[in-house]
C-alpha atoms as a PDB file:
ATOM      1  CA  MET A   1       0.153   0.001  -0.102  1.00  0.00           C
ATOM      2  CA  GLY A   2       1.015   3.562  -0.163  1.00  0.00           C
ATOM      3  CA  GLU A   3       2.111   5.617   2.120  1.00  0.00           C
ATOM      4  CA  TYR A   4      -0.818   8.923   2.090  1.00  0.00           C
ATOM      5  CA  PRO A   5      -2.371   9.824   5.082  1.00  0.00           C
ATOM      6  CA  GLU A   6      -5.593   8.109   4.709  1.00  0.00           C
ATOM      7  CA  ASP A   7      -3.830   5.071   4.657  1.00  0.00           C
ATOM      8  CA  ARG A   8      -2.395   5.768   8.552  1.00  0.00           C
ATOM      9  CA  GLU A   9      -4.011   4.742  11.586  1.00  0.00           C
ATOM     10  CA  THR A  10      -3.505   7.707  14.436  1.00  0.00           C
ATOM     11  CA  GLU A  11      -5.430   8.218  17.414  1.00  0.00           C
ATOM     12  CA  LEU A  12      -6.576  11.633  17.871  1.00  0.00           C
ATOM     13  CA  THR A  13      -7.381  12.725  21.524  1.00  0.00           C
ATOM     14  CA  PRO A  14      -8.939  15.611  22.877  1.00  0.00           C
ATOM     15  CA  ALA A  15      -6.158  18.248  24.978  1.00  0.00           C
ATOM     16  CA  SER A  16      -7.129  18.913  28.020  1.00  0.00           C
ATOM     17  CA  ASP A  17      -8.372  21.731  30.159  1.00  0.00           C
ATOM     18  CA  GLU A  18      -4.917  21.299  31.229  1.00  0.00           C
ATOM     19  CA  GLU A  19      -3.405  21.646  27.597  1.00  0.00           C
ATOM     20  CA  GLN A  20      -2.216  25.002  25.901  1.00  0.00           C
ATOM     21  CA  ARG A  21      -4.148  24.270  22.655  1.00  0.00           C
ATOM     22  CA  PRO A  22      -2.111  25.433  19.972  1.00  0.00           C
ATOM     23  CA  ALA A  23      -2.958  28.613  18.049  1.00  0.00           C
ATOM     24  CA  ALA A  24      -3.877  29.339  14.243  1.00  0.00           C
ATOM     25  CA  GLY A  25      -0.497  29.090  13.371  1.00  0.00           C
ATOM     26  CA  GLY A  26      -0.001  25.474  15.310  1.00  0.00           C
ATOM     27  CA  ARG A  27       2.131  27.403  18.471  1.00  0.00           C
ATOM     28  CA  ALA A  28       1.066  26.710  21.697  1.00  0.00           C
ATOM     29  CA  VAL A  29      -0.004  29.885  22.902  1.00  0.00           C
ATOM     30  CA  ALA A  30       1.889  32.295  25.495  1.00  0.00           C
ATOM     31  CA  PRO A  31       1.488  33.229  28.898  1.00  0.00           C
ATOM     32  CA  GLN A  32       0.700  36.599  29.392  1.00  0.00           C
ATOM     33  CA  ARG A  33       2.883  39.045  31.376  1.00  0.00           C
ATOM     34  CA  ARG A  34       2.437  41.081  33.900  1.00  0.00           C
ATOM     35  CA  GLU A  35       2.449  44.839  33.622  1.00  0.00           C
ATOM     36  CA  ALA A  36       5.728  45.654  36.088  1.00  0.00           C
ATOM     37  CA  ARG A  37       4.745  49.368  38.178  1.00  0.00           C
ATOM     38  CA  ARG A  38       7.031  52.063  36.329  1.00  0.00           C
ATOM     39  CA  THR A  39       7.960  54.330  39.565  1.00  0.00           C
ATOM     40  CA  THR A  40       9.173  57.679  37.504  1.00  0.00           C
ATOM     41  CA  LYS A  41      12.265  58.941  38.504  1.00  0.00           C
ATOM     42  CA  LEU A  42      12.802  62.900  39.013  1.00  0.00           C
ATOM     43  CA  CYS A  43      15.975  64.477  38.039  1.00  0.00           C
ATOM     44  CA  PRO A  44      18.655  64.914  40.304  1.00  0.00           C
ATOM     45  CA  PHE A  45      19.380  68.359  39.594  1.00  0.00           C
ATOM     46  CA  CYS A  46      15.846  69.450  39.773  1.00  0.00           C
ATOM     47  CA  LEU A  47      15.573  68.319  42.741  1.00  0.00           C
ATOM     48  CA  ASP A  48      18.998  70.142  44.127  1.00  0.00           C
ATOM     49  CA  LYS A  49      18.278  73.604  42.103  1.00  0.00           C
ATOM     50  CA  VAL A  50      21.099  73.151  39.714  1.00  0.00           C
ATOM     51  CA  LYS A  51      21.274  75.843  37.561  1.00  0.00           C
ATOM     52  CA  THR A  52      24.576  74.909  35.489  1.00  0.00           C
ATOM     53  CA  ILE A  53      26.295  71.680  35.066  1.00  0.00           C
ATOM     54  CA  ASP A  54      30.314  72.322  36.050  1.00  0.00           C
ATOM     55  CA  TYR A  55      32.215  69.886  32.862  1.00  0.00           C
ATOM     56  CA  LYS A  56      35.589  70.552  35.389  1.00  0.00           C
ATOM     57  CA  ASP A  57      33.451  68.579  38.233  1.00  0.00           C
ATOM     58  CA  ALA A  58      34.551  64.819  36.663  1.00  0.00           C
ATOM     59  CA  ASN A  59      33.406  62.799  39.852  1.00  0.00           C
ATOM     60  CA  LEU A  60      29.953  64.046  39.267  1.00  0.00           C
ATOM     61  CA  LEU A  61      30.427  63.395  35.605  1.00  0.00           C
ATOM     62  CA  ARG A  62      31.120  59.807  36.353  1.00  0.00           C
ATOM     63  CA  GLN A  63      28.511  59.373  37.264  1.00  0.00           C
ATOM     64  CA  TYR A  64      26.287  60.062  33.976  1.00  0.00           C
ATOM     65  CA  ILE A  65      29.161  57.408  32.178  1.00  0.00           C
ATOM     66  CA  SER A  66      28.779  53.972  31.497  1.00  0.00           C
ATOM     67  CA  GLU A  67      31.669  51.214  32.194  1.00  0.00           C
ATOM     68  CA  ARG A  68      32.435  51.443  28.932  1.00  0.00           C
ATOM     69  CA  GLY A  69      32.446  55.490  28.190  1.00  0.00           C
ATOM     70  CA  ARG A  70      29.335  55.678  26.795  1.00  0.00           C
ATOM     71  CA  ILE A  71      26.632  59.141  28.256  1.00  0.00           C
ATOM     72  CA  LEU A  72      24.419  56.687  30.132  1.00  0.00           C
ATOM     73  CA  ALA A  73      19.943  57.630  28.284  1.00  0.00           C
ATOM     74  CA  ARG A  74      18.059  59.298  30.728  1.00  0.00           C
ATOM     75  CA  ARG A  75      15.420  55.949  31.070  1.00  0.00           C
ATOM     76  CA  ARG A  76      18.929  55.097  33.094  1.00  0.00           C
ATOM     77  CA  THR A  77      19.763  57.846  35.366  1.00  0.00           C
ATOM     78  CA  GLY A  78      16.124  60.021  35.419  1.00  0.00           C
ATOM     79  CA  THR A  79      17.812  62.975  34.475  1.00  0.00           C
ATOM     80  CA  CYS A  80      15.246  65.328  32.927  1.00  0.00           C
ATOM     81  CA  ALA A  81      15.743  66.944  28.927  1.00  0.00           C
ATOM     82  CA  LYS A  82      17.392  69.649  29.419  1.00  0.00           C
ATOM     83  CA  HIS A  83      19.482  68.822  32.296  1.00  0.00           C
ATOM     84  CA  GLN A  84      20.448  66.002  29.725  1.00  0.00           C
ATOM     85  CA  ARG A  85      20.900  67.651  26.680  1.00  0.00           C
ATOM     86  CA  LYS A  86      23.374  70.021  29.510  1.00  0.00           C
ATOM     87  CA  LEU A  87      25.396  66.662  30.948  1.00  0.00           C
ATOM     88  CA  ALA A  88      25.989  65.152  27.880  1.00  0.00           C
ATOM     89  CA  ARG A  89      27.686  68.957  26.660  1.00  0.00           C
ATOM     90  CA  ALA A  90      29.724  69.083  30.013  1.00  0.00           C
ATOM     91  CA  ILE A  91      30.893  65.685  29.138  1.00  0.00           C
ATOM     92  CA  LYS A  92      32.033  66.356  25.834  1.00  0.00           C
ATOM     93  CA  ARG A  93      33.113  68.832  27.012  1.00  0.00           C
ATOM     94  CA  ALA A  94      35.102  67.251  29.779  1.00  0.00           C
ATOM     95  CA  ARG A  95      36.640  64.650  27.543  1.00  0.00           C
ATOM     96  CA  HIS A  96      37.727  67.325  25.217  1.00  0.00           C
ATOM     97  CA  ILE A  97      40.045  68.417  27.451  1.00  0.00           C
ATOM     98  CA  ALA A  98      40.835  65.740  28.765  1.00  0.00           C
ATOM     99  CA  LEU A  99      39.004  65.515  31.857  1.00  0.00           C
ATOM    100  CA  LEU A 100      37.609  62.243  31.009  1.00  0.00           C
ATOM    101  CA  PRO A 101      38.280  59.136  28.404  1.00  0.00           C
ATOM    102  CA  TYR A 102      37.064  58.678  25.464  1.00  0.00           C
ATOM    103  CA  THR A 103      36.815  54.934  26.499  1.00  0.00           C
ATOM    104  CA  ALA A 104      36.976  52.214  28.905  1.00  0.00           C
ATOM    105  CA  ALA A 105      40.405  51.801  30.070  1.00  0.00           C
ATOM    106  CA  HIS A 106      39.747  47.787  28.602  1.00  0.00           C
ATOM    107  CA  VAL A 107      38.494  49.331  25.190  1.00  0.00           C
ATOM    108  CA  ARG A 108      41.935  51.567  24.920  1.00  0.00           C
ATOM    109  CA  GLU A 109      43.664  48.580  26.245  1.00  0.00           C
ATOM    110  CA  GLN A 110      43.390  46.670  23.802  1.00  0.00           C
ATOM    111  CA  THR A 111      43.475  48.357  20.067  1.00  0.00           C
ATOM    112  CA  THR A 112      47.216  48.926  20.835  1.00  0.00           C
END
C-alpha cells in the first residue's frame, strides 16, 4: 500500500483543559505577562535646583557615564531632557580637555 495520510491509522486525543492548545499558526499560546509598574524617576538636578552643570566636576560626570565610557540614557539616569542636554555637553567638554576618557581603559588596551 502507498504512504498516504488516509492509509495511516492515528489516534487523535482531545486536549484537556490543563494543556495549552495551539493557536491558528500551530504555535502554543504564550502565557500573558504581568505589567510592572514603573516608578517615575525624578531628575536629581531639578531636585537640587542646579542651574548649571560644571564640566570640571569629573566625579559628578562619571556617575552618568557607563563602564564602557558612553553617556547613559535618560531612562537609566532619570534626568529631565533639559539637564540631559546640559550633562551631555559637559561630558563632551570634559572629554575634549582630557578630564574624562572617550573610551574605557579595557577598550583602549585592546587596540594597542
